[in-house]
Amino acid sequence: MKRGGPGRRTFRSPLPPQIGRPRTASESNARIANSERRARQGLRRKNSCVLESAPFFATVVHEDIETILLSEAQILQGIDRVAAEVTRAYAGREFTVMAVLKGSCVFASDLIRRVPLRLELAFVAASSYRDGTTSGRLDVNYFPADGEIAGRELLLVDDILDTGRTMQALKRELLERGARSVRTCVFLDKPARRAVDLRADHSCFEIEDKFVVGYGLDFAGAYRNLPYLGVLRQAAIERSRTAPLGRA
């Protein structure tokens, strides 16, 4: 209770003004983002420098996602395992990680930061999906300079091993250009769709034949930024196919 002047008294509510009204979508997402940031920072133990991980991470699920197939935490666990495999495979040797653009960029960047070896990073651009959900004709748009290939041990990194045609063609081309060896590493493996006799040397996860997006994988250029791997709703696929040019 606060006096506002002679004979007048005003009442100040002890509750913040936002209590009692619905939160907007932006406010709700902001609260989730703040909670996730605090969770990632962890709780510092008393008189210790060890950080405790938080037990819960809030995730904002995109409206076009039917279900989350792999959470961010599960993805990072898989990458840790594969990074350990790669470290053992190349122990004592220099090599080059050859990342296939654009899909593998997120996976490759997380992978190389977990490999404590001397390595180089190069990129190759190839595309086969275009704007559909099935593999089409392979186009190789860009290759590194010959100096980054000839005589080098290469780890060819891609987002997904589907029919296997892209990975097989790239591996063959790199060997023809003088690579000493080419090992393969993929974030996802879809063996049910394999059209050629090819098996990745390193694979994080094997999944069923579902069209997935997130963590670098896209549909018509979208959803690469999602921190998890999700199954795309059929309605989103149909909406993109019927959208005007340039509005997919």
Protein backbone atom coordinates (compact mmCIF):
# COMPACT_ATOMS: atom_id res chain seq x y z
CA MET A 1 0.00 0.00 0.00
CA LYS A 2 1.36 3.41 -0.99
CA ARG A 3 0.03 6.86 -0.11
CA GLY A 4 -0.58 9.07 -3.13
CA GLY A 5 -1.15 12.30 -1.18
CA PRO A 6 -3.28 13.75 1.60
CA GLY A 7 -6.40 11.66 1.96
CA ARG A 8 -5.50 9.47 -1.06
CA ARG A 9 -4.07 6.00 -1.16
CA THR A 10 -3.11 3.93 -4.22
CA PHE A 11 -2.64 0.17 -4.40
CA ARG A 12 0.34 -1.42 -6.18
CA SER A 13 -0.17 -5.06 -7.18
CA PRO A 14 2.64 -7.41 -6.08
CA LEU A 15 2.21 -9.36 -9.36
CA PRO A 16 3.96 -8.43 -12.62
CA PRO A 17 1.64 -6.83 -15.19
CA GLN A 18 1.81 -9.75 -17.65
CA ILE A 19 0.24 -12.20 -15.18
CA GLY A 20 -3.33 -12.99 -16.10
CA ARG A 21 -3.12 -12.40 -19.87
CA PRO A 22 -2.19 -14.99 -22.54
CA ARG A 23 1.36 -14.83 -23.84
CA THR A 24 1.94 -14.12 -27.49
CA ALA A 25 3.82 -16.64 -29.65
CA SER A 26 6.91 -14.43 -29.63
CA GLU A 27 6.83 -14.18 -25.84
CA SER A 28 6.45 -17.95 -25.46
CA ASN A 29 9.34 -18.68 -27.83
CA ALA A 30 11.45 -16.07 -26.05
CA ARG A 31 10.83 -17.80 -22.72
CA ILE A 32 11.74 -21.16 -24.23
CA ALA A 33 14.92 -19.71 -25.74
CA ASN A 34 15.92 -18.18 -22.39
CA SER A 35 15.27 -21.48 -20.60
CA GLU A 36 17.36 -23.38 -23.15
CA ARG A 37 20.22 -20.89 -22.86
CA ARG A 38 20.24 -21.17 -19.08
CA ALA A 39 20.10 -24.96 -19.33
CA ARG A 40 23.09 -25.03 -21.68
CA GLN A 41 25.09 -22.86 -19.31
CA GLY A 42 24.45 -25.46 -16.60
CA LEU A 43 24.51 -25.06 -12.85
CA ARG A 44 27.89 -24.36 -11.26
CA ARG A 45 28.54 -26.58 -8.27
CA LYS A 46 29.48 -24.85 -5.07
CA ASN A 47 33.26 -24.45 -4.68
CA SER A 48 33.84 -26.30 -7.96
CA CYS A 49 34.57 -25.47 -11.61
CA VAL A 50 32.63 -28.49 -12.86
CA LEU A 51 29.43 -27.61 -14.68
CA GLU A 52 26.37 -29.78 -14.22
CA SER A 53 24.27 -30.35 -17.30
CA ALA A 54 20.63 -29.35 -17.05
CA PRO A 55 18.07 -32.20 -17.08
CA PHE A 56 15.74 -30.56 -19.62
CA PHE A 57 16.06 -28.79 -22.94
CA ALA A 58 13.04 -27.05 -24.43
CA THR A 59 12.61 -27.48 -28.17
CA VAL A 60 10.51 -25.35 -30.46
CA VAL A 61 9.04 -27.73 -33.03
CA HIS A 62 8.40 -26.32 -36.50
CA GLU A 63 4.76 -26.53 -37.55
CA ASP A 64 5.69 -28.46 -40.73
CA ILE A 65 7.34 -31.28 -38.77
CA GLU A 66 5.25 -34.39 -38.16
CA THR A 67 7.59 -35.94 -35.62
CA ILE A 68 11.13 -35.55 -34.33
CA LEU A 69 13.18 -38.56 -35.38
CA LEU A 70 16.44 -37.56 -33.68
CA SER A 71 16.81 -34.90 -31.01
CA GLU A 72 19.77 -32.53 -30.89
CA ALA A 73 21.23 -34.46 -27.95
CA GLN A 74 20.93 -37.79 -29.79
CA ILE A 75 22.57 -36.29 -32.88
CA LEU A 76 25.56 -35.04 -30.92
CA GLN A 77 26.00 -38.43 -29.26
CA GLY A 78 26.11 -40.07 -32.68
CA ILE A 79 28.65 -37.56 -33.94
CA ASP A 80 30.85 -38.13 -30.88
CA ARG A 81 30.91 -41.85 -31.70
CA VAL A 82 31.77 -41.34 -35.37
CA ALA A 83 34.40 -38.71 -34.54
CA ALA A 84 36.12 -41.29 -32.33
CA GLU A 85 36.05 -43.78 -35.23
CA VAL A 86 37.54 -41.22 -37.62
CA THR A 87 40.23 -40.31 -35.09
CA ARG A 88 41.29 -43.95 -34.82
CA ALA A 89 41.18 -44.45 -38.59
CA TYR A 90 43.49 -41.49 -39.33
CA ALA A 91 45.69 -41.55 -36.23
CA GLY A 92 49.20 -40.35 -37.10
CA ARG A 93 48.24 -39.30 -40.67
CA GLU A 94 47.20 -36.02 -42.23
CA PHE A 95 44.00 -36.06 -44.25
CA THR A 96 41.40 -33.82 -45.83
CA VAL A 97 37.70 -33.75 -44.98
CA MET A 98 35.85 -33.29 -48.28
CA ALA A 99 32.35 -32.04 -47.41
CA VAL A 100 29.56 -32.30 -49.96
CA LEU A 101 27.60 -29.04 -50.19
CA LYS A 102 25.13 -28.00 -49.08
CA GLY A 103 23.60 -30.73 -46.97
CA SER A 104 26.67 -31.86 -45.04
CA CYS A 105 27.84 -28.41 -43.91
CA VAL A 106 26.27 -28.62 -40.42
CA PHE A 107 27.33 -32.24 -39.86
CA ALA A 108 30.87 -31.67 -41.18
CA SER A 109 31.45 -28.60 -38.99
CA ASP A 110 30.39 -30.46 -35.83
CA LEU A 111 32.38 -33.53 -36.83
CA ILE A 112 35.75 -31.88 -37.46
CA ARG A 113 35.64 -30.03 -34.13
CA ARG A 114 35.59 -33.42 -32.41
CA VAL A 115 38.57 -34.86 -34.29
CA PRO A 116 41.81 -33.85 -32.50
CA LEU A 117 44.05 -34.48 -35.52
CA ARG A 118 45.75 -32.32 -38.11
CA LEU A 119 43.34 -32.07 -41.04
CA GLU A 120 42.30 -29.83 -43.89
CA LEU A 121 38.80 -28.96 -45.05
CA ALA A 122 37.62 -28.77 -48.64
CA PHE A 123 34.25 -28.76 -50.38
CA VAL A 124 32.63 -30.34 -53.38
CA ALA A 125 29.22 -29.33 -54.71
CA ALA A 126 26.89 -31.99 -56.10
CA SER A 127 23.13 -32.18 -56.25
CA SER A 128 20.63 -34.87 -57.09
CA TYR A 129 17.45 -34.10 -55.15
CA ARG A 130 16.48 -30.80 -56.75
CA ASP A 131 13.03 -29.81 -55.40
CA GLY A 132 11.56 -33.29 -55.05
CA THR A 133 11.70 -36.06 -52.50
CA THR A 134 13.37 -38.69 -54.69
CA SER A 135 16.84 -38.78 -56.22
CA GLY A 136 17.22 -37.43 -59.72
CA ARG A 137 20.09 -36.83 -62.13
CA LEU A 138 23.43 -36.11 -60.46
CA ASP A 139 25.09 -32.78 -61.20
CA VAL A 140 28.63 -32.10 -59.98
CA ASN A 141 28.81 -28.33 -59.76
CA TYR A 142 32.20 -27.75 -58.16
CA PHE A 143 35.41 -29.64 -57.44
CA PRO A 144 38.39 -28.39 -55.39
CA ALA A 145 41.70 -27.60 -57.06
CA ASP A 146 43.78 -30.64 -58.01
CA GLY A 147 46.30 -29.72 -55.32
CA GLU A 148 43.68 -30.43 -52.67
CA ILE A 149 43.02 -33.89 -54.09
CA ALA A 150 46.12 -35.44 -55.68
CA GLY A 151 48.14 -37.55 -53.27
CA ARG A 152 45.80 -36.78 -50.37
CA GLU A 153 43.92 -39.11 -48.07
CA LEU A 154 40.31 -37.95 -48.22
CA LEU A 155 37.30 -38.41 -45.98
CA LEU A 156 34.25 -37.76 -48.16
CA VAL A 157 31.46 -36.46 -45.90
CA ASP A 158 27.80 -36.23 -46.93
CA ASP A 159 24.50 -35.72 -45.14
CA ILE A 160 22.74 -38.87 -46.31
CA LEU A 161 23.54 -42.10 -48.14
CA ASP A 162 20.38 -42.80 -50.10
CA THR A 163 20.61 -44.57 -53.45
CA GLY A 164 24.39 -44.30 -53.17
CA ARG A 165 24.81 -42.88 -56.69
CA THR A 166 26.08 -39.49 -55.54
CA MET A 167 28.64 -40.91 -53.14
CA GLN A 168 29.78 -43.55 -55.64
CA ALA A 169 30.22 -41.01 -58.45
CA LEU A 170 32.13 -38.57 -56.24
CA LYS A 171 34.40 -41.26 -54.84
CA ARG A 172 35.21 -42.50 -58.34
CA GLU A 173 35.94 -38.96 -59.57
CA LEU A 174 38.21 -38.16 -56.62
CA LEU A 175 40.24 -41.34 -57.16
CA GLU A 176 40.55 -40.55 -60.87
CA ARG A 177 41.88 -37.11 -59.93
CA GLY A 178 44.70 -38.70 -57.94
CA ALA A 179 43.46 -39.07 -54.37
CA ARG A 180 45.57 -41.58 -52.46
CA SER A 181 42.50 -42.98 -50.69
CA VAL A 182 38.86 -42.05 -50.18
CA ARG A 183 36.89 -43.10 -47.13
CA THR A 184 33.22 -42.22 -46.78
CA CYS A 185 31.31 -40.77 -43.84
CA VAL A 186 27.61 -39.94 -43.68
CA PHE A 187 25.26 -38.47 -41.12
CA LEU A 188 22.35 -40.70 -42.20
CA ASP A 189 22.12 -44.04 -43.99
CA LYS A 190 18.97 -45.25 -45.78
CA PRO A 191 19.87 -48.81 -46.82
CA ALA A 192 16.31 -49.53 -48.02
CA ARG A 193 16.82 -47.13 -50.93
CA ARG A 194 20.28 -48.32 -52.04
CA ALA A 195 20.58 -48.66 -55.82
CA VAL A 196 24.34 -49.42 -55.99
CA ASP A 197 26.67 -51.67 -54.03
CA LEU A 198 28.09 -49.14 -51.58
CA ARG A 199 28.46 -49.02 -47.82
CA ALA A 200 29.73 -46.01 -45.88
CA ASP A 201 32.89 -46.47 -43.84
CA HIS A 202 31.42 -44.32 -41.08
CA SER A 203 27.72 -43.66 -40.41
CA CYS A 204 26.02 -41.87 -37.52
CA PHE A 205 22.49 -43.20 -37.89
CA GLU A 206 20.55 -45.70 -39.99
CA ILE A 207 16.97 -44.59 -40.65
CA GLU A 208 13.86 -45.91 -42.38
CA ASP A 209 12.69 -44.66 -45.76
CA LYS A 210 11.15 -41.40 -44.57
CA PHE A 211 11.70 -37.93 -45.98
CA VAL A 212 13.53 -36.05 -43.24
CA VAL A 213 14.72 -32.48 -42.82
CA GLY A 214 16.77 -30.51 -40.34
CA TYR A 215 20.38 -30.46 -39.22
CA GLY A 216 21.51 -29.48 -42.71
CA LEU A 217 18.98 -31.52 -44.71
CA ASP A 218 16.45 -29.52 -46.69
CA PHE A 219 13.32 -29.68 -48.74
CA ALA A 220 13.23 -27.15 -51.59
CA GLY A 221 15.97 -25.20 -49.79
CA ALA A 222 14.18 -24.88 -46.44
CA TYR A 223 14.49 -26.42 -42.94
CA ARG A 224 18.31 -26.80 -42.93
CA ASN A 225 18.54 -24.71 -39.76
CA LEU A 226 16.41 -26.98 -37.56
CA PRO A 227 18.61 -28.33 -34.72
CA TYR A 228 16.95 -31.76 -34.82
CA LEU A 229 16.04 -34.30 -37.50
CA GLY A 230 12.34 -34.35 -38.25
CA VAL A 231 9.91 -36.10 -40.57
CA LEU A 232 8.26 -33.57 -42.87
CA ARG A 233 4.47 -33.45 -43.00
CA GLN A 234 2.97 -34.52 -46.32
CA ALA A 235 0.91 -31.32 -46.32
CA ALA A 236 4.13 -29.27 -46.32
CA ILE A 237 5.45 -31.25 -49.28
CA GLU A 238 2.25 -30.77 -51.24
CA ARG A 239 2.11 -27.06 -50.37
CA SER A 240 5.63 -26.57 -51.68
CA ARG A 241 4.87 -28.41 -54.92
CA THR A 242 1.85 -26.20 -55.63
CA ALA A 243 3.44 -22.91 -54.51
CA PRO A 244 4.12 -20.23 -57.16
CA LEU A 245 7.65 -20.14 -58.54
CA GLY A 246 10.03 -18.55 -56.09
CA ARG A 247 7.61 -18.93 -53.16
CA ALA A 248 8.30 -22.57 -52.21
